[in-house]
Amino acid sequence: MDSELLFMGVDGGGSQCRAVLLCADGRRLGTGLAGPANPFQDLEQAKGSIQAAAEMALNDAGLPDSECRRVVAGVGLAGVNLPHFY
């Protein structure tokens, strides 16, 4: 697992942000939970919550933050379908 790609799914909503880190075969390696991540409500808070949840997932997997270079992420956020963010 030293150099393989890792995959992270992030679900950012108005009340919390969840992240899950998976290896290529689909095994869950780590999870993270942080605060609200709706950029329409508060863009800076959303950025911070996404970063915090992602870092928690890496740490839960026993990986340092520097391993984020190996991560391919898919992020779904509440509110980004609004024209303000196009």
Protein backbone atom coordinates (compact mmCIF):
# COMPACT_ATOMS: atom_id res chain seq x y z
CA MET A 1 0.00 0.00 0.00
CA ASP A 2 3.05 2.28 0.10
CA SER A 3 2.52 3.96 -3.27
CA GLU A 4 -0.94 2.95 -4.45
CA LEU A 5 -3.64 5.52 -4.94
CA LEU A 6 -6.11 6.06 -2.13
CA PHE A 7 -9.66 7.28 -2.56
CA MET A 8 -11.60 9.64 -0.34
CA GLY A 9 -15.28 10.43 -0.40
CA VAL A 10 -16.41 13.63 1.30
CA ASP A 11 -20.03 14.40 2.13
CA GLY A 12 -20.32 18.02 3.24
CA GLY A 13 -23.66 19.17 4.53
CA GLY A 14 -25.13 22.04 6.45
CA SER A 15 -24.60 20.43 9.85
CA GLN A 16 -21.54 18.19 9.40
CA CYS A 17 -18.90 16.92 7.03
CA ARG A 18 -17.93 13.27 6.74
CA ALA A 19 -14.91 11.80 5.00
CA VAL A 20 -14.04 8.17 4.33
CA LEU A 21 -10.66 6.95 3.04
CA LEU A 22 -10.54 3.76 0.98
CA CYS A 23 -7.77 1.76 -0.64
CA ALA A 24 -8.00 0.62 -4.25
CA ASP A 25 -9.72 -2.66 -3.36
CA GLY A 26 -12.46 -0.80 -1.48
CA ARG A 27 -11.36 -1.50 2.08
CA ARG A 28 -12.15 1.35 4.45
CA LEU A 29 -8.97 2.69 5.99
CA GLY A 30 -10.22 5.65 8.00
CA THR A 31 -13.04 8.09 8.62
CA GLY A 32 -13.35 11.67 9.76
CA LEU A 33 -16.18 13.87 10.99
CA ALA A 34 -16.11 17.66 11.24
CA GLY A 35 -18.45 20.63 11.33
CA PRO A 36 -20.68 22.21 8.68
CA ALA A 37 -19.49 22.27 5.07
CA ASN A 38 -22.10 24.23 3.17
CA PRO A 39 -20.18 26.93 1.28
CA PHE A 40 -23.36 28.93 0.73
CA GLN A 41 -23.71 29.37 4.51
CA ASP A 42 -20.01 30.04 5.25
CA LEU A 43 -17.30 29.39 2.66
CA GLU A 44 -14.35 29.59 5.07
CA GLN A 45 -16.03 27.28 7.56
CA ALA A 46 -16.80 24.82 4.76
CA LYS A 47 -13.15 24.78 3.66
CA GLY A 48 -12.01 24.22 7.24
CA SER A 49 -14.51 21.42 7.85
CA ILE A 50 -13.54 19.62 4.64
CA GLN A 51 -9.85 19.84 5.52
CA ALA A 52 -10.46 18.73 9.11
CA ALA A 53 -12.57 15.71 8.08
CA ALA A 54 -10.00 14.70 5.45
CA GLU A 55 -7.11 15.00 7.92
CA MET A 56 -9.05 12.97 10.49
CA ALA A 57 -9.64 10.21 7.93
CA LEU A 58 -5.91 10.09 7.12
CA ASN A 59 -5.01 10.06 10.80
CA ASP A 60 -7.62 7.37 11.53
CA ALA A 61 -5.91 5.27 8.85
CA GLY A 62 -2.56 5.83 10.55
CA LEU A 63 -1.23 7.92 7.68
CA PRO A 64 0.47 11.32 7.93
CA ASP A 65 -1.15 14.34 6.29
CA SER A 66 1.64 14.28 3.68
CA GLU A 67 0.00 11.16 2.19
CA CYS A 68 -2.74 13.39 0.75
CA ARG A 69 -0.71 13.45 -2.48
CA ARG A 70 -1.83 9.85 -3.05
CA VAL A 71 -5.52 10.63 -2.55
CA VAL A 72 -8.11 11.03 -5.28
CA ALA A 73 -11.14 12.71 -3.74
CA GLY A 74 -14.77 13.02 -4.68
CA VAL A 75 -16.54 15.81 -2.82
CA GLY A 76 -20.27 16.42 -2.60
CA LEU A 77 -21.30 19.65 -0.89
CA ALA A 78 -24.66 21.08 0.04
CA GLY A 79 -25.40 24.36 -1.67
CA VAL A 80 -22.91 24.17 -4.56
CA ASN A 81 -25.70 23.72 -7.06
CA LEU A 82 -26.61 27.39 -6.54
CA PRO A 83 -25.63 29.81 -9.34
CA HIS A 84 -23.52 31.81 -6.85
CA PHE A 85 -20.83 29.07 -7.01
CA TYR A 86 -20.68 28.48 -10.78
